[in-house]
């Protein structure tokens, strides 16, 4: 290429020196954890319940896990972990505290970036906030095997951005028609974007064993016919009054009742997800496909 460009000997030496200093393409992307977004079309599906319990299951399987509560201003993952962090997403995106200070330990293994609760300033983030979030997610992913993004329910811009920046997407819904309708609306919005992760479906709050599969089949058929996308089924969790009536500060169900069927369902969902996407361990992403770059590209395309 240098001969074709007919650069002089001085130019060639400068180019050679630059190339010698430049890292090889294979090391331009650092090792980072798998980033999985967990989303829902409506509130109340049990999304955060799934995130916190799945995080504990992954930790017990030997993974370094971080939950990032992306329900900015209305987060509740800290309540389900039974912790009250001093610092939250408000301090991170406000430039008040760096990532290491915002990462909070939880009693059951995973680390947490709390979303903050009742903070109206987080309801409408600007581009600069998302740029800082992109860099922060890159830092978090570099220190963990798995990063679970607990995304806000619905189809707001903030929710769509945090959902789409993930490598993989788990969509949580319920058998009831309202939840399925909102899940389909979210899928339609996501499908309009140029890049959409594979969608893996969990049906929560099933009233009888096996109800999750026909619920999935109905949503998958509509999605295939009218959106042109495939869905992937990874499991169901039964309705349990012990979940909805849990007191604040109680540990995740998989800790307090490890023998119950819902805890077994969480384990099965973890294995089903790994069967679908591969081991949930830190890897080197393809060039330009780290989580920071994915989110920055989404911002550039808007």
Protein backbone atom coordinates (compact mmCIF):
# COMPACT_ATOMS: atom_id res chain seq x y z
CA UNK A 1 0.00 0.00 0.00
CA UNK A 2 2.91 2.34 0.75
CA UNK A 3 4.32 1.88 -2.78
CA UNK A 4 0.93 2.62 -4.30
CA UNK A 5 0.67 5.82 -2.32
CA UNK A 6 4.23 6.74 -3.43
CA UNK A 7 5.12 8.32 -0.16
CA UNK A 8 8.73 9.30 0.43
CA UNK A 9 11.18 7.47 2.58
CA UNK A 10 10.55 9.82 5.50
CA UNK A 11 6.82 9.25 5.25
CA UNK A 12 7.35 5.50 5.13
CA UNK A 13 9.45 5.61 8.28
CA UNK A 14 6.80 7.66 10.09
CA UNK A 15 4.06 5.24 9.05
CA UNK A 16 6.17 2.26 10.13
CA UNK A 17 6.84 3.84 13.53
CA UNK A 18 3.10 4.53 13.97
CA UNK A 19 2.19 0.95 13.08
CA UNK A 20 4.77 -0.41 15.50
CA UNK A 21 3.21 1.60 18.34
CA UNK A 22 -0.36 0.74 17.40
CA UNK A 23 -1.86 -2.28 19.23
CA UNK A 24 -2.82 -5.28 17.15
CA UNK A 25 -6.51 -5.42 16.14
CA UNK A 26 -7.00 -8.49 18.31
CA UNK A 27 -6.26 -6.52 21.49
CA UNK A 28 -8.11 -3.31 20.68
CA UNK A 29 -11.16 -4.70 22.48
CA UNK A 30 -10.61 -5.62 26.12
CA UNK A 31 -12.13 -8.67 27.76
CA UNK A 32 -15.59 -7.81 29.09
CA UNK A 33 -18.56 -9.56 30.63
CA UNK A 34 -21.66 -10.58 28.72
CA UNK A 35 -24.21 -7.78 28.86
CA UNK A 36 -27.82 -8.96 29.08
CA UNK A 37 -30.77 -6.56 29.16
CA UNK A 38 -33.91 -7.69 30.99
CA UNK A 39 -36.96 -5.73 29.82
CA UNK A 40 -40.75 -5.81 29.88
CA UNK A 41 -43.58 -4.08 28.07
CA UNK A 42 -45.36 -3.07 31.26
CA UNK A 43 -44.64 -2.71 34.94
CA UNK A 44 -45.54 -5.43 37.39
CA UNK A 45 -44.44 -8.43 35.33
CA UNK A 46 -41.81 -9.47 37.89
CA UNK A 47 -38.85 -8.29 35.83
CA UNK A 48 -36.78 -7.04 38.76
CA UNK A 49 -37.66 -10.19 40.73
CA UNK A 50 -36.19 -12.23 37.88
CA UNK A 51 -33.09 -10.02 37.59
CA UNK A 52 -32.15 -10.17 41.26
CA UNK A 53 -32.75 -13.89 41.62
CA UNK A 54 -30.97 -14.68 38.35
CA UNK A 55 -28.01 -12.59 39.51
CA UNK A 56 -27.75 -14.61 42.72
CA UNK A 57 -28.01 -17.89 40.77
CA UNK A 58 -25.19 -16.79 38.47
CA UNK A 59 -23.05 -15.74 41.41
CA UNK A 60 -23.53 -19.15 43.00
CA UNK A 61 -22.40 -20.68 39.72
CA UNK A 62 -19.09 -18.88 40.15
CA UNK A 63 -19.71 -15.81 37.98
CA UNK A 64 -18.81 -12.22 38.81
CA UNK A 65 -22.19 -10.53 38.41
CA UNK A 66 -23.29 -6.91 38.42
CA UNK A 67 -26.87 -5.66 38.26
CA UNK A 68 -27.27 -2.17 36.81
CA UNK A 69 -30.68 -0.72 37.63
CA UNK A 70 -31.55 1.25 34.48
CA UNK A 71 -34.97 2.33 35.71
CA UNK A 72 -33.53 5.79 36.24
CA UNK A 73 -35.22 7.57 39.12
CA UNK A 74 -37.68 4.75 39.85
CA UNK A 75 -35.32 1.88 40.57
CA UNK A 76 -36.20 -0.86 43.04
CA UNK A 77 -33.50 -3.52 42.58
CA UNK A 78 -31.82 -2.34 45.79
CA UNK A 79 -35.00 -3.10 47.72
CA UNK A 80 -35.14 -6.64 46.33
CA UNK A 81 -31.50 -7.16 47.33
CA UNK A 82 -32.22 -5.77 50.79
CA UNK A 83 -29.64 -2.96 50.60
CA UNK A 84 -29.75 0.82 50.78
CA UNK A 85 -26.74 2.14 48.85
CA UNK A 86 -25.43 5.58 49.70
CA UNK A 87 -24.61 6.29 46.04
CA UNK A 88 -26.72 5.58 42.96
CA UNK A 89 -27.08 6.24 39.26
CA UNK A 90 -27.81 9.87 40.16
CA UNK A 91 -24.27 10.31 41.46
CA UNK A 92 -22.73 8.39 38.56
CA UNK A 93 -24.47 10.27 35.75
CA UNK A 94 -24.09 13.57 37.58
CA UNK A 95 -20.32 13.13 37.58
CA UNK A 96 -20.30 13.18 41.38
CA UNK A 97 -18.90 9.67 41.90
CA UNK A 98 -16.94 7.29 39.64
CA UNK A 99 -17.92 3.69 38.92
CA UNK A 100 -15.90 2.04 41.74
CA UNK A 101 -17.64 4.20 44.33
CA UNK A 102 -21.14 3.61 42.93
CA UNK A 103 -20.77 -0.18 42.77
CA UNK A 104 -22.44 -1.50 45.92
CA UNK A 105 -21.96 -4.99 47.34
CA UNK A 106 -25.03 -7.01 48.21
CA UNK A 107 -25.26 -9.67 50.96
CA UNK A 108 -25.76 -12.47 48.45
CA UNK A 109 -22.86 -11.93 46.05
CA UNK A 110 -23.75 -9.72 43.06
CA UNK A 111 -22.71 -6.08 42.97
CA UNK A 112 -25.29 -3.39 42.21
CA UNK A 113 -25.52 0.04 40.65
CA UNK A 114 -28.74 1.35 42.18
CA UNK A 115 -31.12 3.27 39.95
CA UNK A 116 -32.17 5.82 42.53
CA UNK A 117 -35.77 6.20 43.61
CA UNK A 118 -38.01 9.26 43.34
CA UNK A 119 -35.38 11.35 41.51
CA UNK A 120 -37.14 13.38 38.82
CA UNK A 121 -33.87 14.68 37.33
CA UNK A 122 -33.16 11.16 36.03
CA UNK A 123 -36.44 11.00 34.10
CA UNK A 124 -35.07 12.95 31.10
CA UNK A 125 -31.40 12.30 30.43
CA UNK A 126 -29.36 14.21 27.88
CA UNK A 127 -26.85 12.85 25.38
CA UNK A 128 -23.95 13.70 27.67
CA UNK A 129 -25.47 11.53 30.38
CA UNK A 130 -25.73 8.58 28.00
CA UNK A 131 -22.15 9.09 26.87
CA UNK A 132 -21.08 8.86 30.50
CA UNK A 133 -23.30 5.81 30.93
CA UNK A 134 -21.64 4.18 27.92
CA UNK A 135 -18.17 4.65 29.39
CA UNK A 136 -19.37 3.48 32.79
CA UNK A 137 -20.92 0.31 31.38
CA UNK A 138 -17.65 -0.44 29.62
CA UNK A 139 -15.81 -0.12 32.93
CA UNK A 140 -18.35 -2.30 34.74
CA UNK A 141 -18.31 -4.98 32.03
CA UNK A 142 -14.50 -5.12 32.16
CA UNK A 143 -14.66 -6.13 35.84
CA UNK A 144 -17.43 -8.76 35.66
CA UNK A 145 -18.44 -11.93 33.84
CA UNK A 146 -22.10 -10.90 33.51
CA UNK A 147 -23.80 -7.50 33.58
CA UNK A 148 -27.59 -7.62 33.94
CA UNK A 149 -29.35 -4.41 32.90
CA UNK A 150 -32.67 -4.07 34.74
CA UNK A 151 -34.34 -1.85 32.13
CA UNK A 152 -37.33 0.38 32.77
CA UNK A 153 -40.63 -1.07 31.60
CA UNK A 154 -42.22 0.40 28.49
CA UNK A 155 -41.05 2.08 25.30
CA UNK A 156 -39.46 5.34 26.45
CA UNK A 157 -36.32 6.48 24.63
CA UNK A 158 -34.20 5.84 27.70
CA UNK A 159 -35.56 2.33 28.06
CA UNK A 160 -35.01 1.50 24.38
CA UNK A 161 -31.41 2.80 24.43
CA UNK A 162 -30.41 0.75 27.46
CA UNK A 163 -32.16 -2.31 26.06
CA UNK A 164 -30.52 -2.08 22.64
CA UNK A 165 -26.99 -1.53 23.96
CA UNK A 166 -27.01 -5.04 25.43
CA UNK A 167 -25.56 -8.05 23.70
CA UNK A 168 -28.65 -10.12 24.49
CA UNK A 169 -32.23 -9.40 25.56
CA UNK A 170 -34.50 -11.26 27.98
CA UNK A 171 -38.12 -10.15 27.73
CA UNK A 172 -40.36 -10.86 30.73
CA UNK A 173 -44.13 -11.09 30.31
CA UNK A 174 -47.18 -12.66 31.96
CA UNK A 175 -49.94 -14.87 30.50
CA UNK A 176 -52.54 -12.10 30.81
CA UNK A 177 -53.57 -10.27 27.65
CA UNK A 178 -52.49 -6.81 28.87
CA UNK A 179 -48.93 -7.98 29.52
CA UNK A 180 -48.74 -9.78 26.15
CA UNK A 181 -50.08 -6.74 24.32
CA UNK A 182 -47.47 -4.48 25.91
CA UNK A 183 -44.71 -7.03 25.26
CA UNK A 184 -45.68 -7.09 21.59
CA UNK A 185 -45.65 -3.26 21.48
CA UNK A 186 -42.12 -3.26 22.88
CA UNK A 187 -41.00 -5.86 20.34
CA UNK A 188 -42.42 -3.73 17.50
CA UNK A 189 -40.56 -0.65 18.71
CA UNK A 190 -37.30 -2.54 19.08
CA UNK A 191 -37.68 -4.17 15.66
CA UNK A 192 -37.66 -0.75 13.98
CA UNK A 193 -34.06 -0.23 15.07
CA UNK A 194 -31.19 -1.20 12.75
CA UNK A 195 -29.66 -3.60 15.28
CA UNK A 196 -31.73 -5.78 17.56
CA UNK A 197 -30.38 -8.49 19.87
CA UNK A 198 -32.01 -11.90 19.85
CA UNK A 199 -35.05 -11.89 22.14
CA UNK A 200 -35.36 -14.62 24.78
CA UNK A 201 -38.74 -14.85 26.49
CA UNK A 202 -39.57 -15.68 30.10
CA UNK A 203 -43.23 -16.09 31.08
CA UNK A 204 -43.63 -15.16 34.73
CA UNK A 205 -46.60 -15.73 37.04
CA UNK A 206 -48.01 -18.75 35.25
CA UNK A 207 -51.02 -20.19 37.06
CA UNK A 208 -50.33 -23.82 36.23
CA UNK A 209 -47.24 -25.75 35.14
CA UNK A 210 -46.62 -25.66 31.40
CA UNK A 211 -48.68 -22.52 30.76
CA UNK A 212 -45.56 -20.63 29.72
CA UNK A 213 -45.03 -22.53 26.47
CA UNK A 214 -48.47 -21.88 24.87
CA UNK A 215 -48.23 -18.25 26.03
CA UNK A 216 -44.88 -17.99 24.28
CA UNK A 217 -46.25 -19.71 21.17
CA UNK A 218 -49.03 -17.12 20.80
CA UNK A 219 -46.68 -14.15 21.12
CA UNK A 220 -44.02 -15.76 18.92
CA UNK A 221 -46.53 -16.46 16.13
CA UNK A 222 -47.84 -12.89 16.10
CA UNK A 223 -44.29 -11.53 16.17
CA UNK A 224 -43.21 -13.79 13.31
CA UNK A 225 -46.22 -12.91 11.13
CA UNK A 226 -46.37 -9.16 11.64
CA UNK A 227 -42.87 -8.14 12.71
CA UNK A 228 -40.74 -10.75 10.97
CA UNK A 229 -38.72 -11.58 14.09
CA UNK A 230 -38.15 -14.85 15.92
CA UNK A 231 -38.44 -15.25 19.69
CA UNK A 232 -36.69 -17.85 21.83
CA UNK A 233 -38.32 -19.47 24.87
CA UNK A 234 -36.15 -19.99 27.95
CA UNK A 235 -38.65 -20.77 30.69
CA UNK A 236 -41.50 -19.95 33.03
CA UNK A 237 -41.92 -19.05 36.69
CA UNK A 238 -45.09 -19.87 38.63
CA UNK A 239 -47.30 -17.34 40.41
CA UNK A 240 -46.56 -17.45 44.12
CA UNK A 241 -48.21 -15.25 46.73
CA UNK A 242 -45.02 -15.50 48.79
CA UNK A 243 -43.32 -13.40 46.11
CA UNK A 244 -45.89 -10.61 45.88
CA UNK A 245 -46.24 -10.39 49.67
CA UNK A 246 -42.54 -10.35 50.47
CA UNK A 247 -41.46 -7.68 52.93
CA UNK A 248 -38.82 -5.10 52.13
CA UNK A 249 -35.39 -6.24 53.23
CA UNK A 250 -36.08 -9.93 52.72
CA UNK A 251 -33.43 -11.74 50.68
CA UNK A 252 -34.19 -12.90 47.13
CA UNK A 253 -36.44 -15.95 46.95
CA UNK A 254 -33.63 -18.17 45.67
CA UNK A 255 -31.85 -17.46 48.98
CA UNK A 256 -34.75 -17.59 51.44
CA UNK A 257 -36.56 -20.55 49.81
CA UNK A 258 -33.97 -22.44 47.74
CA UNK A 259 -36.11 -25.59 47.77
CA UNK A 260 -39.21 -24.02 46.21
CA UNK A 261 -40.27 -24.62 42.61
CA UNK A 262 -39.75 -20.96 41.68
CA UNK A 263 -36.10 -21.19 42.70
CA UNK A 264 -35.73 -24.28 40.52
CA UNK A 265 -37.35 -22.34 37.67
CA UNK A 266 -34.76 -19.56 38.04
CA UNK A 267 -31.98 -22.14 37.79
CA UNK A 268 -33.62 -23.62 34.69
CA UNK A 269 -33.88 -20.17 33.08
CA UNK A 270 -30.19 -19.55 33.77
CA UNK A 271 -29.27 -22.83 32.08
CA UNK A 272 -31.69 -22.15 29.23
CA UNK A 273 -30.13 -18.76 28.60
CA UNK A 274 -26.63 -20.21 28.53
CA UNK A 275 -27.82 -22.95 26.20
CA UNK A 276 -29.15 -20.28 23.85
CA UNK A 277 -26.27 -17.77 23.90
CA UNK A 278 -23.30 -19.68 25.27
CA UNK A 279 -21.51 -19.54 28.64
CA UNK A 280 -22.08 -16.35 30.61
CA UNK A 281 -18.41 -15.59 31.15
CA UNK A 282 -16.19 -12.68 30.17
CA UNK A 283 -14.92 -12.81 26.58
CA UNK A 284 -13.26 -10.56 24.04
CA UNK A 285 -16.07 -9.03 21.94
CA UNK A 286 -15.68 -8.58 18.18
CA UNK A 287 -13.85 -5.43 17.18
CA UNK A 288 -16.06 -2.39 17.80
CA UNK A 289 -18.78 -4.45 19.54
CA UNK A 290 -18.10 -3.73 23.20
CA UNK A 291 -20.97 -2.32 25.23
CA UNK A 292 -19.51 1.19 25.30
CA UNK A 293 -19.20 1.29 21.53
CA UNK A 294 -22.68 -0.19 21.03
CA UNK A 295 -24.33 2.53 23.11
CA UNK A 296 -22.25 5.29 21.51
CA UNK A 297 -23.28 4.04 18.07
CA UNK A 298 -26.95 4.13 19.09
CA UNK A 299 -26.52 7.75 20.15
CA UNK A 300 -24.83 8.62 16.84
CA UNK A 301 -27.63 7.01 14.85
CA UNK A 302 -30.44 8.92 16.55
